[in-house]
Amino acid sequence: MVKYFYESASNNIDRGNVMKKLLGIVVLGFALNFFAGTKVKACSVHLGDFDWDSANIHTAISTIILEEGYNCSVRVTKGSTTPIMTAFF
């Protein structure tokens, strides 16, 4: 019974098709690794910080993420709500 199952299962596998898929996956993995390792042009971000506490926390978190995660240089301009919102729009 085990011999019959093994032979019938191995006869249904198209080895050429499996090898093509495996080769494609390996090539895709190398390509993704290559492009992930390329250097990205340095970014510069200018954030406007409002004069209320929750906005200060969000600006601080955004600054850390941009500097540590994306290697961006971040400038923060402190100001009150009306002038900062006017500058955005």
Protein backbone atom coordinates (compact mmCIF):
# COMPACT_ATOMS: atom_id res chain seq x y z
CA MET A 1 0.00 0.00 0.00
CA VAL A 2 2.78 2.47 0.94
CA LYS A 3 4.74 1.54 -2.18
CA TYR A 4 1.67 2.13 -4.38
CA PHE A 5 1.01 5.56 -2.80
CA TYR A 6 4.64 6.64 -3.20
CA GLU A 7 4.81 5.56 -6.85
CA SER A 8 1.50 7.19 -7.77
CA ALA A 9 2.43 10.42 -6.00
CA SER A 10 5.87 10.61 -7.61
CA ASN A 11 4.46 9.94 -11.08
CA ASN A 12 2.12 12.95 -10.85
CA ILE A 13 4.91 15.48 -10.13
CA ASP A 14 6.26 17.33 -13.15
CA ARG A 15 9.89 17.75 -12.12
CA GLY A 16 10.67 20.32 -14.83
CA ASN A 17 7.83 22.57 -13.72
CA VAL A 18 8.90 22.29 -10.08
CA MET A 19 12.50 23.16 -10.97
CA LYS A 20 11.37 26.21 -12.99
CA LYS A 21 9.31 27.47 -10.06
CA LEU A 22 12.16 26.85 -7.62
CA LEU A 23 14.63 28.66 -9.88
CA GLY A 24 12.19 31.57 -10.23
CA ILE A 25 11.82 31.85 -6.47
CA VAL A 26 15.60 31.84 -5.96
CA VAL A 27 16.14 34.50 -8.66
CA LEU A 28 13.34 36.63 -7.18
CA GLY A 29 14.91 36.32 -3.73
CA PHE A 30 18.30 37.47 -5.00
CA ALA A 31 16.71 40.37 -6.90
CA LEU A 32 14.76 41.53 -3.85
CA ASN A 33 17.86 41.29 -1.70
CA PHE A 34 19.87 43.31 -4.23
CA PHE A 35 17.31 46.10 -4.50
CA ALA A 36 16.73 46.20 -0.75
CA GLY A 37 20.44 46.74 -0.20
CA THR A 38 20.79 49.70 -2.58
CA LYS A 39 21.35 53.12 -1.12
CA VAL A 40 18.50 55.60 -1.24
CA LYS A 41 19.11 59.32 -1.65
CA ALA A 42 19.15 61.05 1.72
CA CYS A 43 15.89 62.71 2.61
CA SER A 44 15.23 65.93 4.44
CA VAL A 45 11.94 66.52 6.27
CA HIS A 46 10.59 69.70 7.83
CA LEU A 47 7.89 69.17 10.45
CA GLY A 48 5.66 71.78 12.04
CA ASP A 49 5.03 71.27 15.75
CA PHE A 50 1.88 72.71 17.32
CA ASP A 51 1.65 74.17 20.80
CA TRP A 52 -0.39 71.37 22.40
CA ASP A 53 0.96 68.30 24.18
CA SER A 54 -0.48 65.53 22.01
CA ALA A 55 0.94 67.17 18.87
CA ASN A 56 4.35 67.38 20.56
CA ILE A 57 4.29 63.63 21.24
CA HIS A 58 3.29 62.83 17.64
CA THR A 59 6.04 65.07 16.30
CA ALA A 60 8.63 63.47 18.59
CA ILE A 61 7.58 59.95 17.53
CA SER A 62 7.60 60.94 13.84
CA THR A 63 11.05 62.47 14.25
CA ILE A 64 12.46 59.29 15.79
CA ILE A 65 10.92 57.09 13.09
CA LEU A 66 12.22 59.29 10.27
CA GLU A 67 15.72 59.67 11.72
CA GLU A 68 16.30 56.13 12.96
CA GLY A 69 14.23 54.14 10.47
CA TYR A 70 14.74 56.10 7.24
CA ASN A 71 17.98 58.01 7.96
CA CYS A 72 16.32 61.35 7.22
CA SER A 73 17.42 64.67 8.56
CA VAL A 74 14.48 66.24 10.37
CA ARG A 75 13.90 69.89 11.19
CA VAL A 76 11.11 70.78 13.60
CA THR A 77 9.56 74.24 13.65
CA LYS A 78 7.64 75.05 16.80
CA GLY A 79 4.66 77.32 16.48
CA SER A 80 1.06 77.90 17.38
CA THR A 81 -1.77 76.20 15.53
CA THR A 82 -2.92 79.00 13.22
CA PRO A 83 0.44 79.92 11.62
CA ILE A 84 1.50 76.26 11.21
CA MET A 85 -1.85 75.32 9.59
CA THR A 86 -1.60 78.35 7.30
CA ALA A 87 1.89 77.26 6.21
CA PHE A 88 0.61 73.74 5.41
CA PHE A 89 -2.13 75.04 3.14
